[in-house]
Amino acid sequence: MKTLPLTTIPLLAILAATGASAQTVDVAKLTCKQYLVGDIIRRDYLALWLSGYYNGTHNDTIVATDTVQKIADKVSTYCEANLDATLMDAIRSELGVNK
């Protein structure tokens, strides 16, 4: 019997929760308002993506649930004050990511 790496289990859970209707979202085009409302993509999915994006720019392979929440909170705070900004503007401003 083959075993899956521990990191695969959360990914499979997310994929299973999305159901059969997959969608593609260009995060660079999302506004803060769309992020906060969650009508394009669920905020919890984006929080995971934000954490992965941020950690990827820092070559950090560790995922800590409290870090995911802190990143999401920082971005949300920025977005609440800047509804027309893009989500990438929030990432650059609040997380110091310049990619």
N, C-alpha and C. Protein backbone atom coordinates (compact mmCIF):
# COMPACT_ATOMS: atom_id res chain seq x y z
N MET A 1 0.83 -1.18 0.00
CA MET A 1 0.00 0.00 0.00
C MET A 1 0.88 1.24 0.00
N LYS A 2 0.58 2.17 -0.91
CA LYS A 2 1.35 3.41 -0.97
C LYS A 2 0.78 4.42 0.01
N THR A 3 1.67 5.20 0.60
CA THR A 3 1.23 6.26 1.49
C THR A 3 1.50 7.60 0.84
N LEU A 4 0.68 8.56 1.17
CA LEU A 4 0.83 9.91 0.64
C LEU A 4 1.63 10.76 1.62
N PRO A 5 2.42 11.68 1.10
CA PRO A 5 3.10 12.60 2.01
C PRO A 5 2.06 13.40 2.81
N LEU A 6 2.40 13.77 4.01
CA LEU A 6 1.49 14.50 4.88
C LEU A 6 1.01 15.79 4.24
N THR A 7 1.84 16.43 3.42
CA THR A 7 1.46 17.69 2.79
C THR A 7 0.40 17.50 1.72
N THR A 8 0.21 16.30 1.24
CA THR A 8 -0.77 16.04 0.19
C THR A 8 -2.19 16.01 0.73
N ILE A 9 -2.35 15.64 1.97
CA ILE A 9 -3.68 15.48 2.54
C ILE A 9 -4.48 16.79 2.54
N PRO A 10 -3.92 17.93 3.01
CA PRO A 10 -4.71 19.17 2.95
C PRO A 10 -5.05 19.57 1.52
N LEU A 11 -4.15 19.35 0.60
CA LEU A 11 -4.41 19.69 -0.79
C LEU A 11 -5.57 18.86 -1.33
N LEU A 12 -5.58 17.58 -1.02
CA LEU A 12 -6.68 16.73 -1.47
C LEU A 12 -8.01 17.16 -0.85
N ALA A 13 -7.97 17.59 0.40
CA ALA A 13 -9.19 18.05 1.05
C ALA A 13 -9.74 19.30 0.36
N ILE A 14 -8.86 20.21 -0.02
CA ILE A 14 -9.29 21.42 -0.72
C ILE A 14 -9.87 21.06 -2.08
N LEU A 15 -9.19 20.19 -2.79
CA LEU A 15 -9.68 19.80 -4.11
C LEU A 15 -11.02 19.08 -4.03
N ALA A 16 -11.19 18.27 -3.03
CA ALA A 16 -12.46 17.56 -2.87
C ALA A 16 -13.58 18.53 -2.53
N ALA A 17 -13.28 19.56 -1.77
CA ALA A 17 -14.30 20.53 -1.38
C ALA A 17 -14.74 21.40 -2.55
N THR A 18 -13.90 21.55 -3.55
CA THR A 18 -14.26 22.41 -4.68
C THR A 18 -15.26 21.75 -5.60
N GLY A 19 -15.40 20.45 -5.53
CA GLY A 19 -16.36 19.75 -6.39
C GLY A 19 -15.86 19.66 -7.81
N ALA A 20 -16.78 19.38 -8.72
CA ALA A 20 -16.41 19.14 -10.10
C ALA A 20 -16.25 20.42 -10.91
N SER A 21 -16.75 21.53 -10.42
CA SER A 21 -16.69 22.77 -11.20
C SER A 21 -15.43 23.56 -10.86
N ALA A 22 -14.39 23.30 -11.60
CA ALA A 22 -13.13 24.00 -11.39
C ALA A 22 -13.20 25.35 -12.07
N GLN A 23 -12.51 26.32 -11.50
CA GLN A 23 -12.45 27.62 -12.12
C GLN A 23 -11.03 28.14 -12.02
N THR A 24 -10.69 29.02 -12.93
CA THR A 24 -9.37 29.63 -12.94
C THR A 24 -9.54 31.10 -12.60
N VAL A 25 -8.74 31.58 -11.67
CA VAL A 25 -8.81 32.97 -11.23
C VAL A 25 -7.43 33.59 -11.36
N ASP A 26 -7.36 34.74 -12.03
CA ASP A 26 -6.11 35.50 -12.12
C ASP A 26 -6.07 36.44 -10.93
N VAL A 27 -5.29 36.08 -9.93
CA VAL A 27 -5.23 36.85 -8.68
C VAL A 27 -4.75 38.27 -8.94
N ALA A 28 -3.94 38.47 -9.95
CA ALA A 28 -3.43 39.80 -10.26
C ALA A 28 -4.56 40.76 -10.67
N LYS A 29 -5.70 40.22 -11.08
CA LYS A 29 -6.81 41.06 -11.51
C LYS A 29 -7.88 41.24 -10.42
N LEU A 30 -7.76 40.53 -9.32
CA LEU A 30 -8.74 40.64 -8.24
C LEU A 30 -8.57 41.96 -7.50
N THR A 31 -9.68 42.61 -7.19
CA THR A 31 -9.62 43.81 -6.37
C THR A 31 -9.77 43.42 -4.91
N CYS A 32 -9.42 44.35 -4.06
CA CYS A 32 -9.60 44.11 -2.63
C CYS A 32 -11.06 43.87 -2.30
N LYS A 33 -11.94 44.61 -2.94
CA LYS A 33 -13.38 44.44 -2.68
C LYS A 33 -13.80 43.02 -3.04
N GLN A 34 -13.36 42.51 -4.18
CA GLN A 34 -13.71 41.15 -4.58
C GLN A 34 -13.15 40.13 -3.59
N TYR A 35 -11.95 40.40 -3.09
CA TYR A 35 -11.34 39.51 -2.09
C TYR A 35 -12.18 39.50 -0.82
N LEU A 36 -12.55 40.68 -0.35
CA LEU A 36 -13.30 40.77 0.91
C LEU A 36 -14.70 40.18 0.80
N VAL A 37 -15.37 40.40 -0.32
CA VAL A 37 -16.72 39.88 -0.52
C VAL A 37 -16.69 38.36 -0.72
N GLY A 38 -15.65 37.89 -1.38
CA GLY A 38 -15.52 36.46 -1.61
C GLY A 38 -16.45 35.92 -2.67
N ASP A 39 -16.87 36.80 -3.60
CA ASP A 39 -17.80 36.34 -4.64
C ASP A 39 -17.10 35.71 -5.84
N ILE A 40 -15.82 35.91 -5.98
CA ILE A 40 -15.05 35.32 -7.09
C ILE A 40 -14.45 33.98 -6.65
N ILE A 41 -13.83 34.00 -5.48
CA ILE A 41 -13.22 32.80 -4.91
C ILE A 41 -13.28 32.92 -3.40
N ARG A 42 -13.45 31.82 -2.73
CA ARG A 42 -13.58 31.84 -1.28
C ARG A 42 -12.34 32.42 -0.62
N ARG A 43 -12.55 33.22 0.40
CA ARG A 43 -11.43 33.87 1.10
C ARG A 43 -10.49 32.86 1.75
N ASP A 44 -11.01 31.75 2.25
CA ASP A 44 -10.13 30.78 2.87
C ASP A 44 -9.19 30.14 1.85
N TYR A 45 -9.66 29.97 0.61
CA TYR A 45 -8.78 29.46 -0.45
C TYR A 45 -7.70 30.49 -0.75
N LEU A 46 -8.11 31.74 -0.83
CA LEU A 46 -7.14 32.79 -1.12
C LEU A 46 -6.14 32.96 0.02
N ALA A 47 -6.58 32.76 1.25
CA ALA A 47 -5.66 32.85 2.39
C ALA A 47 -4.55 31.80 2.25
N LEU A 48 -4.93 30.60 1.84
CA LEU A 48 -3.92 29.56 1.61
C LEU A 48 -3.00 29.94 0.46
N TRP A 49 -3.58 30.48 -0.61
CA TRP A 49 -2.77 30.90 -1.75
C TRP A 49 -1.81 32.02 -1.34
N LEU A 50 -2.32 33.00 -0.59
CA LEU A 50 -1.48 34.10 -0.13
C LEU A 50 -0.28 33.59 0.67
N SER A 51 -0.55 32.67 1.57
CA SER A 51 0.52 32.10 2.38
C SER A 51 1.55 31.40 1.51
N GLY A 52 1.06 30.61 0.56
CA GLY A 52 1.98 29.91 -0.34
C GLY A 52 2.78 30.87 -1.21
N TYR A 53 2.12 31.91 -1.70
CA TYR A 53 2.80 32.91 -2.52
C TYR A 53 3.88 33.61 -1.71
N TYR A 54 3.50 34.08 -0.52
CA TYR A 54 4.44 34.77 0.35
C TYR A 54 5.61 33.86 0.73
N ASN A 55 5.31 32.65 1.17
CA ASN A 55 6.37 31.73 1.57
C ASN A 55 7.25 31.33 0.38
N GLY A 56 6.65 31.22 -0.79
CA GLY A 56 7.43 30.90 -1.98
C GLY A 56 8.43 31.98 -2.33
N THR A 57 8.07 33.24 -2.12
CA THR A 57 9.01 34.33 -2.41
C THR A 57 10.16 34.37 -1.41
N HIS A 58 9.98 33.69 -0.29
CA HIS A 58 11.02 33.64 0.74
C HIS A 58 11.65 32.25 0.86
N ASN A 59 11.38 31.40 -0.11
CA ASN A 59 11.91 30.03 -0.11
C ASN A 59 11.63 29.30 1.20
N ASP A 60 10.46 29.54 1.76
CA ASP A 60 10.06 28.94 3.01
C ASP A 60 9.04 27.84 2.72
N THR A 61 9.34 26.63 3.10
CA THR A 61 8.45 25.51 2.80
C THR A 61 7.58 25.10 3.99
N ILE A 62 7.65 25.85 5.07
CA ILE A 62 6.88 25.54 6.27
C ILE A 62 5.54 26.26 6.24
N VAL A 63 4.47 25.54 6.53
CA VAL A 63 3.14 26.14 6.62
C VAL A 63 2.70 26.05 8.07
N ALA A 64 2.50 27.21 8.67
CA ALA A 64 2.00 27.27 10.04
C ALA A 64 0.63 27.95 10.00
N THR A 65 -0.36 27.31 10.61
CA THR A 65 -1.72 27.84 10.51
C THR A 65 -1.83 29.25 11.06
N ASP A 66 -1.09 29.57 12.11
CA ASP A 66 -1.17 30.93 12.64
C ASP A 66 -0.56 31.94 11.67
N THR A 67 0.44 31.53 10.90
CA THR A 67 1.03 32.40 9.90
C THR A 67 0.05 32.65 8.76
N VAL A 68 -0.65 31.64 8.33
CA VAL A 68 -1.66 31.80 7.28
C VAL A 68 -2.68 32.84 7.72
N GLN A 69 -3.14 32.74 8.95
CA GLN A 69 -4.14 33.69 9.47
C GLN A 69 -3.56 35.10 9.58
N LYS A 70 -2.32 35.24 10.03
CA LYS A 70 -1.70 36.56 10.15
C LYS A 70 -1.56 37.23 8.79
N ILE A 71 -1.16 36.47 7.80
CA ILE A 71 -1.04 37.00 6.44
C ILE A 71 -2.40 37.45 5.92
N ALA A 72 -3.41 36.62 6.11
CA ALA A 72 -4.76 36.96 5.66
C ALA A 72 -5.28 38.20 6.39
N ASP A 73 -4.99 38.31 7.67
CA ASP A 73 -5.44 39.47 8.45
C ASP A 73 -4.79 40.76 7.96
N LYS A 74 -3.48 40.71 7.68
CA LYS A 74 -2.78 41.90 7.18
C LYS A 74 -3.35 42.35 5.85
N VAL A 75 -3.56 41.42 4.97
CA VAL A 75 -4.09 41.75 3.64
C VAL A 75 -5.53 42.26 3.77
N SER A 76 -6.32 41.65 4.62
CA SER A 76 -7.70 42.09 4.81
C SER A 76 -7.77 43.51 5.37
N THR A 77 -6.91 43.82 6.31
CA THR A 77 -6.89 45.17 6.89
C THR A 77 -6.57 46.20 5.82
N TYR A 78 -5.58 45.91 5.00
CA TYR A 78 -5.24 46.82 3.90
C TYR A 78 -6.42 46.95 2.94
N CYS A 79 -7.02 45.84 2.60
CA CYS A 79 -8.12 45.84 1.63
C CYS A 79 -9.34 46.60 2.14
N GLU A 80 -9.61 46.51 3.42
CA GLU A 80 -10.75 47.23 3.99
C GLU A 80 -10.60 48.74 3.82
N ALA A 81 -9.36 49.22 3.82
CA ALA A 81 -9.10 50.65 3.67
C ALA A 81 -8.88 51.05 2.20
N ASN A 82 -8.72 50.07 1.32
CA ASN A 82 -8.39 50.33 -0.09
C ASN A 82 -9.18 49.39 -1.00
N LEU A 83 -10.49 49.53 -1.01
CA LEU A 83 -11.35 48.60 -1.73
C LEU A 83 -11.05 48.50 -3.23
N ASP A 84 -10.62 49.59 -3.84
CA ASP A 84 -10.37 49.58 -5.29
C ASP A 84 -8.97 49.11 -5.66
N ALA A 85 -8.12 48.92 -4.67
CA ALA A 85 -6.77 48.42 -4.95
C ALA A 85 -6.84 46.97 -5.37
N THR A 86 -5.79 46.49 -6.03
CA THR A 86 -5.75 45.08 -6.38
C THR A 86 -5.24 44.27 -5.19
N LEU A 87 -5.54 43.00 -5.21
CA LEU A 87 -5.04 42.12 -4.15
C LEU A 87 -3.52 42.09 -4.17
N MET A 88 -2.93 42.16 -5.36
CA MET A 88 -1.47 42.19 -5.46
C MET A 88 -0.90 43.46 -4.84
N ASP A 89 -1.60 44.60 -4.95
CA ASP A 89 -1.17 45.83 -4.27
C ASP A 89 -1.12 45.59 -2.77
N ALA A 90 -2.14 44.91 -2.25
CA ALA A 90 -2.19 44.62 -0.81
C ALA A 90 -1.02 43.72 -0.41
N ILE A 91 -0.72 42.74 -1.24
CA ILE A 91 0.39 41.82 -0.94
C ILE A 91 1.70 42.58 -0.92
N ARG A 92 1.90 43.43 -1.91
CA ARG A 92 3.15 44.20 -1.98
C ARG A 92 3.27 45.14 -0.78
N SER A 93 2.18 45.81 -0.45
CA SER A 93 2.21 46.79 0.63
C SER A 93 2.37 46.14 2.00
N GLU A 94 1.58 45.13 2.28
CA GLU A 94 1.53 44.57 3.62
C GLU A 94 2.54 43.45 3.87
N LEU A 95 2.94 42.76 2.83
CA LEU A 95 3.84 41.63 3.02
C LEU A 95 5.24 41.90 2.48
N GLY A 96 5.41 43.03 1.82
CA GLY A 96 6.72 43.38 1.29
C GLY A 96 7.18 42.51 0.15
N VAL A 97 6.23 41.95 -0.59
CA VAL A 97 6.56 41.11 -1.74
C VAL A 97 6.58 41.98 -2.97
N ASN A 98 7.71 42.00 -3.67
CA ASN A 98 7.87 42.89 -4.82
C ASN A 98 7.93 42.16 -6.15
N LYS A 99 7.40 40.97 -6.21
CA LYS A 99 7.41 40.22 -7.47
C LYS A 99 6.41 40.78 -8.42
